[in-house]
Amino acid sequence: MQNDSIETLLLRHYGSTAPTPVGLEQRLQAATHQQVAELRQQQHLAARLRAYRVNRRQAVRFVALSTAGFGMLSAGLSSLHLLESALLGQDMTQHALT
């Protein structure tokens, strides 16, 4: 598809004698303003993320908390596995193809 202007596309679609659709210019302006606002918001967010610095203490705390969270999750899953095997009265660790 060629990179035609909006005027060329409208002329090709509606012809030179067709009336301009009602509110076309206002809708195009509103869409353009919305795109500009979204782009500014994305640029502002990217600038904030670039400016935010994490010090070593925060990084170590984040790693420690996430490691502790994964440890608790693992312990919870293993205790759930033990509870299932106790309730069902069978060893859930057996493989299907043994």
Protein backbone atom coordinates (compact mmCIF):
# COMPACT_ATOMS: atom_id res chain seq x y z
CA MET A 1 0.00 0.00 0.00
CA GLN A 2 1.26 3.43 -0.86
CA ASN A 3 1.86 6.07 1.74
CA ASP A 4 -0.93 8.37 0.55
CA SER A 5 -2.19 11.38 2.45
CA ILE A 6 -5.61 11.33 4.09
CA GLU A 7 -6.92 13.74 1.46
CA THR A 8 -5.85 11.42 -1.36
CA LEU A 9 -7.48 8.44 0.30
CA LEU A 10 -10.73 10.36 0.90
CA LEU A 11 -10.81 11.57 -2.68
CA ARG A 12 -10.20 8.07 -3.98
CA HIS A 13 -12.91 6.62 -1.73
CA TYR A 14 -15.60 9.32 -1.89
CA GLY A 15 -14.75 11.16 -5.10
CA SER A 16 -14.32 14.89 -5.57
CA THR A 17 -18.03 15.74 -5.35
CA ALA A 18 -18.84 13.87 -2.14
CA PRO A 19 -19.37 15.92 1.01
CA THR A 20 -16.88 15.75 3.82
CA PRO A 21 -18.10 13.43 6.59
CA VAL A 22 -19.65 15.30 9.51
CA GLY A 23 -17.13 16.06 12.27
CA LEU A 24 -14.22 14.49 10.41
CA GLU A 25 -11.76 17.22 11.30
CA GLN A 26 -12.77 17.20 14.97
CA ARG A 27 -12.44 13.41 15.17
CA LEU A 28 -9.02 13.50 13.52
CA GLN A 29 -7.86 16.24 15.89
CA ALA A 30 -9.18 14.34 18.91
CA ALA A 31 -7.44 11.15 17.81
CA THR A 32 -4.20 13.04 17.22
CA HIS A 33 -4.38 14.73 20.63
CA GLN A 34 -5.03 11.37 22.29
CA GLN A 35 -2.03 9.79 20.58
CA VAL A 36 0.17 12.72 21.58
CA ALA A 37 -1.02 12.47 25.20
CA GLU A 38 -0.32 8.71 25.28
CA LEU A 39 3.14 9.24 23.80
CA ARG A 40 3.95 11.95 26.37
CA GLN A 41 2.77 9.67 29.17
CA GLN A 42 4.99 6.83 27.92
CA GLN A 43 7.97 9.16 27.61
CA HIS A 44 7.36 10.53 31.11
CA LEU A 45 7.19 7.01 32.54
CA ALA A 46 10.38 6.00 30.71
CA ALA A 47 12.17 9.09 32.04
CA ARG A 48 11.02 8.31 35.60
CA LEU A 49 12.24 4.73 35.30
CA ARG A 50 15.62 5.88 33.99
CA ALA A 51 15.96 8.42 36.82
CA TYR A 52 15.04 5.95 39.58
CA ARG A 53 18.18 4.54 41.11
CA VAL A 54 18.28 1.45 43.28
CA ASN A 55 20.95 1.36 45.96
CA ARG A 56 22.64 -1.81 47.12
CA ARG A 57 20.64 -2.05 50.33
CA GLN A 58 17.35 -2.00 48.41
CA ALA A 59 18.65 -4.58 45.92
CA VAL A 60 19.81 -6.92 48.70
CA ARG A 61 16.49 -6.52 50.52
CA PHE A 62 14.56 -7.27 47.33
CA VAL A 63 16.63 -10.40 46.63
CA ALA A 64 16.31 -11.56 50.23
CA LEU A 65 12.55 -11.07 50.30
CA SER A 66 12.02 -12.77 46.96
CA THR A 67 14.24 -15.69 48.00
CA ALA A 68 12.34 -16.02 51.27
CA GLY A 69 9.07 -15.92 49.36
CA PHE A 70 10.19 -18.69 47.04
CA GLY A 71 11.38 -20.72 50.03
CA MET A 72 8.01 -20.36 51.72
CA LEU A 73 6.25 -21.32 48.51
CA SER A 74 8.41 -24.42 48.18
CA ALA A 75 7.77 -25.40 51.79
CA GLY A 76 4.06 -24.88 51.32
CA LEU A 77 4.00 -27.06 48.23
CA SER A 78 5.93 -29.85 49.93
CA SER A 79 3.62 -29.78 52.96
CA LEU A 80 0.63 -29.83 50.62
CA HIS A 81 2.12 -32.89 48.95
CA LEU A 82 2.51 -34.60 52.36
CA LEU A 83 -1.06 -33.69 53.30
CA GLU A 84 -2.40 -35.14 50.03
CA SER A 85 -0.51 -38.38 50.54
CA ALA A 86 -1.75 -38.64 54.16
CA LEU A 87 -5.35 -38.00 53.17
CA LEU A 88 -5.34 -40.36 50.22
CA GLY A 89 -3.31 -43.03 52.03
CA GLN A 90 -0.95 -43.61 49.16
CA ASP A 91 2.50 -42.53 48.17
CA MET A 92 2.15 -39.66 45.70
CA THR A 93 5.84 -39.80 44.78
CA GLN A 94 5.47 -42.95 42.69
CA HIS A 95 5.99 -42.43 39.00
CA ALA A 96 3.36 -43.56 36.53
CA LEU A 97 5.75 -45.67 34.47
CA THR A 98 7.36 -47.76 37.26
